[in-house]
N, C-alpha and C. Protein backbone atom coordinates (compact mmCIF):
# COMPACT_ATOMS: atom_id res chain seq x y z
N MET A 1 177.62 49.74 90.51
CA MET A 1 176.48 49.15 91.19
C MET A 1 175.44 50.22 91.51
N GLY A 2 175.90 51.43 91.86
CA GLY A 2 174.97 52.50 92.18
C GLY A 2 174.15 52.93 90.99
N LEU A 3 174.77 52.98 89.81
CA LEU A 3 174.05 53.38 88.60
C LEU A 3 173.01 52.33 88.21
N VAL A 4 173.35 51.05 88.42
CA VAL A 4 172.39 49.98 88.14
C VAL A 4 171.16 50.13 89.02
N TYR A 5 171.36 50.39 90.29
CA TYR A 5 170.24 50.55 91.21
C TYR A 5 169.43 51.80 90.88
N LEU A 6 170.11 52.88 90.49
CA LEU A 6 169.41 54.11 90.10
C LEU A 6 168.52 53.86 88.89
N MET A 7 169.04 53.17 87.89
CA MET A 7 168.23 52.88 86.70
C MET A 7 167.07 51.94 87.04
N PHE A 8 167.31 51.01 87.96
CA PHE A 8 166.24 50.12 88.41
C PHE A 8 165.12 50.91 89.08
N MET A 9 165.49 51.90 89.89
CA MET A 9 164.49 52.71 90.59
C MET A 9 163.77 53.67 89.64
N LEU A 10 164.43 54.10 88.58
CA LEU A 10 163.82 55.03 87.62
C LEU A 10 162.93 54.32 86.60
N GLU A 11 162.93 52.99 86.62
CA GLU A 11 162.13 52.28 85.62
C GLU A 11 160.64 52.56 85.78
N ALA A 12 160.14 52.57 87.00
CA ALA A 12 158.70 52.78 87.22
C ALA A 12 158.23 54.15 86.72
N PRO A 13 158.90 55.27 87.05
CA PRO A 13 158.42 56.55 86.52
C PRO A 13 158.62 56.70 85.01
N LEU A 14 159.61 56.01 84.45
CA LEU A 14 159.88 56.15 83.02
C LEU A 14 159.14 55.13 82.16
N LEU A 15 158.44 54.18 82.79
CA LEU A 15 157.77 53.12 82.05
C LEU A 15 156.78 53.63 81.00
N PRO A 16 155.97 54.66 81.27
CA PRO A 16 155.07 55.15 80.21
C PRO A 16 155.83 55.66 78.98
N TYR A 17 156.97 56.30 79.18
CA TYR A 17 157.75 56.79 78.05
C TYR A 17 158.40 55.63 77.29
N TYR A 18 158.84 54.60 78.00
CA TYR A 18 159.39 53.42 77.35
C TYR A 18 158.33 52.77 76.46
N ARG A 19 157.10 52.72 76.94
CA ARG A 19 156.03 52.10 76.16
C ARG A 19 155.69 52.92 74.93
N ILE A 20 155.71 54.24 75.05
CA ILE A 20 155.44 55.11 73.90
C ILE A 20 156.50 54.88 72.82
N LEU A 21 157.74 54.73 73.23
CA LEU A 21 158.83 54.52 72.28
C LEU A 21 159.03 53.06 71.91
N LEU A 22 158.14 52.18 72.38
CA LEU A 22 158.19 50.75 72.11
C LEU A 22 159.50 50.12 72.59
N LEU A 23 160.00 50.57 73.72
CA LEU A 23 161.25 50.05 74.25
C LEU A 23 161.03 48.96 75.30
N GLU A 24 159.82 48.83 75.79
CA GLU A 24 159.57 47.85 76.84
C GLU A 24 158.13 47.38 76.76
N GLY A 25 157.91 46.15 77.15
CA GLY A 25 156.58 45.59 77.13
C GLY A 25 155.79 45.91 78.39
N ASP A 26 154.86 45.05 78.73
CA ASP A 26 153.97 45.30 79.84
C ASP A 26 154.57 44.97 81.21
N ARG A 27 155.53 44.08 81.25
CA ARG A 27 156.05 43.68 82.56
C ARG A 27 157.32 44.46 82.90
N ARG A 28 157.54 44.63 84.19
CA ARG A 28 158.73 45.33 84.66
C ARG A 28 159.90 44.37 84.72
N LEU A 29 161.09 44.91 84.58
CA LEU A 29 162.30 44.10 84.63
C LEU A 29 162.82 44.04 86.07
N GLY A 30 163.56 43.00 86.37
CA GLY A 30 164.13 42.85 87.69
C GLY A 30 165.52 43.45 87.78
N LEU A 31 166.05 43.48 88.99
CA LEU A 31 167.38 44.04 89.23
C LEU A 31 168.45 43.21 88.51
N ARG A 32 168.23 41.92 88.40
CA ARG A 32 169.19 41.04 87.71
C ARG A 32 169.32 41.42 86.24
N SER A 33 168.22 41.82 85.60
CA SER A 33 168.26 42.25 84.20
C SER A 33 169.09 43.51 84.04
N PHE A 34 168.96 44.44 84.99
CA PHE A 34 169.74 45.67 84.93
C PHE A 34 171.22 45.39 85.16
N MET A 35 171.53 44.44 86.04
CA MET A 35 172.93 44.07 86.27
C MET A 35 173.54 43.47 85.00
N ALA A 36 172.81 42.56 84.36
CA ALA A 36 173.30 41.93 83.13
C ALA A 36 173.49 42.97 82.03
N ALA A 37 172.56 43.91 81.92
CA ALA A 37 172.69 44.96 80.90
C ALA A 37 173.88 45.86 81.18
N GLY A 38 174.13 46.18 82.44
CA GLY A 38 175.27 47.02 82.79
C GLY A 38 176.60 46.35 82.51
N VAL A 39 176.73 45.08 82.88
CA VAL A 39 177.99 44.36 82.66
C VAL A 39 178.22 44.14 81.16
N SER A 40 177.21 43.66 80.46
CA SER A 40 177.39 43.40 79.02
C SER A 40 177.60 44.71 78.25
N GLY A 41 176.93 45.78 78.66
CA GLY A 41 177.14 47.06 77.99
C GLY A 41 178.54 47.59 78.18
N THR A 42 179.10 47.42 79.36
CA THR A 42 180.48 47.86 79.62
C THR A 42 181.47 47.07 78.78
N ILE A 43 181.32 45.76 78.77
CA ILE A 43 182.24 44.91 78.01
C ILE A 43 182.13 45.20 76.52
N LEU A 44 180.90 45.31 75.99
CA LEU A 44 180.73 45.60 74.57
C LEU A 44 181.24 46.99 74.21
N HIS A 45 181.10 47.95 75.10
CA HIS A 45 181.61 49.30 74.84
C HIS A 45 183.13 49.26 74.68
N ILE A 46 183.79 48.55 75.55
CA ILE A 46 185.25 48.44 75.45
C ILE A 46 185.65 47.73 74.17
N LEU A 47 184.98 46.61 73.86
CA LEU A 47 185.34 45.86 72.65
C LEU A 47 185.05 46.64 71.37
N LEU A 48 184.03 47.48 71.37
CA LEU A 48 183.75 48.28 70.18
C LEU A 48 184.66 49.50 70.08
N ASP A 49 185.19 49.98 71.20
CA ASP A 49 186.10 51.12 71.16
C ASP A 49 187.52 50.74 70.78
N VAL A 50 187.91 49.50 71.02
CA VAL A 50 189.28 49.06 70.72
C VAL A 50 189.63 49.27 69.25
N PRO A 51 188.79 48.88 68.29
CA PRO A 51 189.18 49.11 66.89
C PRO A 51 189.13 50.58 66.47
N LEU A 52 188.46 51.43 67.22
CA LEU A 52 188.32 52.82 66.83
C LEU A 52 189.50 53.70 67.22
N TYR A 53 190.11 53.45 68.36
CA TYR A 53 191.11 54.35 68.91
C TYR A 53 192.46 53.65 69.04
N SER A 54 193.50 54.32 68.59
CA SER A 54 194.83 53.72 68.62
C SER A 54 195.44 53.73 70.02
N ASP A 55 194.97 54.60 70.91
CA ASP A 55 195.56 54.68 72.25
C ASP A 55 195.01 53.63 73.21
N ILE A 56 193.96 52.92 72.83
CA ILE A 56 193.43 51.85 73.68
C ILE A 56 194.23 50.58 73.38
N ARG A 57 194.79 50.01 74.42
CA ARG A 57 195.60 48.80 74.26
C ARG A 57 194.93 47.65 75.00
N LEU A 58 194.18 46.87 74.26
CA LEU A 58 193.49 45.73 74.86
C LEU A 58 194.48 44.68 75.33
N PHE A 59 195.53 44.47 74.55
CA PHE A 59 196.59 43.52 74.89
C PHE A 59 197.77 44.35 75.41
N TYR A 60 197.76 44.72 76.67
CA TYR A 60 198.64 45.76 77.23
C TYR A 60 200.13 45.61 76.91
N PRO A 61 200.76 44.49 77.12
CA PRO A 61 202.21 44.50 76.84
C PRO A 61 202.53 44.83 75.37
N ILE A 62 201.64 44.53 74.47
CA ILE A 62 201.85 44.87 73.06
C ILE A 62 201.60 46.36 72.90
N ILE A 63 202.54 47.06 72.29
CA ILE A 63 202.46 48.51 72.18
C ILE A 63 201.43 48.94 71.14
N THR A 64 201.36 48.23 70.05
CA THR A 64 200.42 48.62 68.98
C THR A 64 199.06 47.98 69.22
N ASN A 65 198.06 48.54 68.57
CA ASN A 65 196.71 48.01 68.65
C ASN A 65 196.44 47.22 67.37
N PRO A 66 196.46 45.88 67.43
CA PRO A 66 196.29 45.10 66.20
C PRO A 66 194.86 45.12 65.65
N LEU A 67 193.92 45.58 66.43
CA LEU A 67 192.53 45.55 65.99
C LEU A 67 192.05 46.84 65.34
N ILE A 68 192.92 47.85 65.28
CA ILE A 68 192.47 49.14 64.74
C ILE A 68 192.30 49.02 63.22
N SER A 69 191.19 49.52 62.76
CA SER A 69 190.93 49.52 61.31
C SER A 69 189.90 50.59 61.00
N LEU A 70 189.87 50.99 59.76
CA LEU A 70 188.91 51.99 59.33
C LEU A 70 187.57 51.37 58.96
N LEU A 71 187.53 50.05 58.83
CA LEU A 71 186.28 49.40 58.46
C LEU A 71 185.23 49.48 59.55
N ILE A 72 185.66 49.62 60.79
CA ILE A 72 184.70 49.65 61.90
C ILE A 72 183.80 50.88 61.82
N ASN A 73 184.32 52.01 61.32
CA ASN A 73 183.49 53.21 61.18
C ASN A 73 182.36 52.97 60.20
N GLY A 74 182.67 52.36 59.08
CA GLY A 74 181.65 52.04 58.08
C GLY A 74 180.62 51.06 58.63
N PHE A 75 181.12 50.08 59.38
CA PHE A 75 180.20 49.11 59.98
C PHE A 75 179.27 49.78 60.99
N CYS A 76 179.79 50.70 61.78
CA CYS A 76 178.97 51.40 62.78
C CYS A 76 177.89 52.24 62.10
N ILE A 77 178.24 52.92 61.03
CA ILE A 77 177.25 53.72 60.29
C ILE A 77 176.20 52.81 59.68
N PHE A 78 176.64 51.71 59.06
CA PHE A 78 175.70 50.76 58.46
C PHE A 78 174.76 50.16 59.51
N ALA A 79 175.31 49.74 60.65
CA ALA A 79 174.49 49.15 61.71
C ALA A 79 173.50 50.18 62.27
N GLY A 80 173.93 51.42 62.39
CA GLY A 80 173.03 52.47 62.86
C GLY A 80 171.88 52.71 61.90
N ILE A 81 172.16 52.75 60.61
CA ILE A 81 171.11 52.95 59.61
C ILE A 81 170.13 51.77 59.61
N VAL A 82 170.66 50.55 59.68
CA VAL A 82 169.79 49.37 59.73
C VAL A 82 168.93 49.39 60.99
N GLY A 83 169.51 49.78 62.13
CA GLY A 83 168.74 49.85 63.37
C GLY A 83 167.63 50.89 63.30
N ILE A 84 167.92 52.04 62.70
CA ILE A 84 166.89 53.07 62.55
C ILE A 84 165.77 52.59 61.65
N ILE A 85 166.11 51.92 60.55
CA ILE A 85 165.09 51.39 59.64
C ILE A 85 164.21 50.36 60.34
N ILE A 86 164.82 49.47 61.11
CA ILE A 86 164.04 48.45 61.83
C ILE A 86 163.13 49.11 62.86
N TYR A 87 163.66 50.08 63.60
CA TYR A 87 162.85 50.76 64.62
C TYR A 87 161.67 51.51 63.99
N ILE A 88 161.91 52.21 62.89
CA ILE A 88 160.82 52.93 62.22
C ILE A 88 159.79 51.96 61.67
N THR A 89 160.24 50.84 61.10
CA THR A 89 159.32 49.84 60.57
C THR A 89 158.42 49.28 61.67
N ILE A 90 159.01 48.93 62.80
CA ILE A 90 158.23 48.39 63.92
C ILE A 90 157.26 49.45 64.45
N SER A 91 157.72 50.69 64.55
CA SER A 91 156.87 51.77 65.05
C SER A 91 155.69 52.02 64.12
N VAL A 92 155.94 52.07 62.82
CA VAL A 92 154.86 52.31 61.85
C VAL A 92 153.87 51.16 61.86
N TYR A 93 154.36 49.92 61.92
CA TYR A 93 153.46 48.78 61.95
C TYR A 93 152.61 48.78 63.22
N THR A 94 153.22 49.09 64.36
CA THR A 94 152.47 49.14 65.62
C THR A 94 151.41 50.23 65.58
N LEU A 95 151.76 51.39 65.05
CA LEU A 95 150.81 52.49 64.91
C LEU A 95 149.67 52.10 63.96
N TYR A 96 150.01 51.43 62.86
CA TYR A 96 149.00 50.97 61.91
C TYR A 96 148.05 49.98 62.56
N ALA A 97 148.59 49.01 63.30
CA ALA A 97 147.75 48.01 63.97
C ALA A 97 146.85 48.68 65.01
N TRP A 98 147.38 49.65 65.74
CA TRP A 98 146.58 50.35 66.75
C TRP A 98 145.46 51.15 66.09
N MET A 99 145.78 51.87 65.01
CA MET A 99 144.76 52.66 64.32
C MET A 99 143.71 51.76 63.68
N ARG A 100 144.15 50.62 63.16
CA ARG A 100 143.21 49.68 62.54
C ARG A 100 142.24 49.12 63.57
N SER A 101 142.74 48.79 64.76
CA SER A 101 141.86 48.28 65.81
C SER A 101 140.89 49.36 66.27
N LYS A 102 141.36 50.61 66.36
CA LYS A 102 140.46 51.71 66.72
C LYS A 102 139.39 51.92 65.65
N TYR A 103 139.80 51.85 64.38
CA TYR A 103 138.86 52.03 63.28
C TYR A 103 137.82 50.93 63.28
N ARG A 104 138.26 49.69 63.49
CA ARG A 104 137.32 48.57 63.50
C ARG A 104 136.32 48.70 64.65
N SER A 105 136.79 49.09 65.82
CA SER A 105 135.88 49.20 66.95
C SER A 105 134.90 50.36 66.72
N SER A 106 135.37 51.48 66.16
CA SER A 106 134.44 52.59 65.90
C SER A 106 133.47 52.24 64.79
N LEU A 107 133.92 51.50 63.77
CA LEU A 107 133.03 51.07 62.70
C LEU A 107 131.99 50.10 63.24
N ARG A 108 132.42 49.20 64.10
CA ARG A 108 131.50 48.25 64.71
C ARG A 108 130.43 48.98 65.53
N ASN A 109 130.83 49.98 66.30
CA ASN A 109 129.87 50.76 67.09
C ASN A 109 128.91 51.53 66.19
N TYR A 110 129.41 52.06 65.08
CA TYR A 110 128.57 52.79 64.14
C TYR A 110 127.53 51.87 63.53
N LEU A 111 127.95 50.66 63.15
CA LEU A 111 127.00 49.72 62.55
C LEU A 111 125.95 49.26 63.55
N LYS A 112 126.33 49.08 64.79
CA LYS A 112 125.34 48.72 65.81
C LYS A 112 124.33 49.84 66.00
N MET A 113 124.82 51.08 66.03
CA MET A 113 123.93 52.23 66.19
C MET A 113 123.00 52.35 64.99
N GLU A 114 123.53 52.10 63.81
CA GLU A 114 122.71 52.19 62.60
C GLU A 114 121.61 51.13 62.62
N GLN A 115 121.92 49.94 63.09
CA GLN A 115 120.91 48.89 63.17
C GLN A 115 119.82 49.26 64.17
N ARG A 116 120.17 49.92 65.25
CA ARG A 116 119.16 50.34 66.23
C ARG A 116 118.22 51.37 65.63
N PHE A 117 118.77 52.32 64.88
CA PHE A 117 117.93 53.37 64.30
C PHE A 117 117.16 52.90 63.07
N ARG A 118 117.55 51.80 62.48
CA ARG A 118 116.82 51.26 61.35
C ARG A 118 115.40 50.83 61.77
N PHE A 119 115.30 50.46 63.02
CA PHE A 119 114.01 50.03 63.54
C PHE A 119 113.00 51.19 63.46
N PHE A 120 113.48 52.40 63.64
CA PHE A 120 112.61 53.57 63.62
C PHE A 120 112.45 54.17 62.23
N ALA A 121 113.16 53.64 61.26
CA ALA A 121 113.12 54.22 59.91
C ALA A 121 111.77 53.94 59.25
N VAL A 122 111.34 54.91 58.49
CA VAL A 122 110.07 54.77 57.76
C VAL A 122 110.41 54.54 56.31
N ASP A 123 109.83 53.50 55.73
CA ASP A 123 110.10 53.21 54.31
C ASP A 123 109.12 53.87 53.42
């Protein structure tokens, strides 16, 4: 509970960095969102670690771990590569859209300025 509250309090100072990395939108999250993220992250961490390590016994009375397999390592690498590709694609597209809007606004200002000076042009 203490870590959830700490992360909730750190959201405001870290918000500009989250926006730079495209991790969060314009609105702030509530304490309930941080609680849900903490609980779901803990449960998913345990469920993803069970197939990786033989000493974790999800079904305690059973001595062996029936979920252990080598396929999970390949899946984790594949999911990580796909996640990186998606993140880079979204980042590049966002940067492109931002630069395009800047270019259009500067081009628009240039054309307005050119029209003003055309009035003074001598043919």
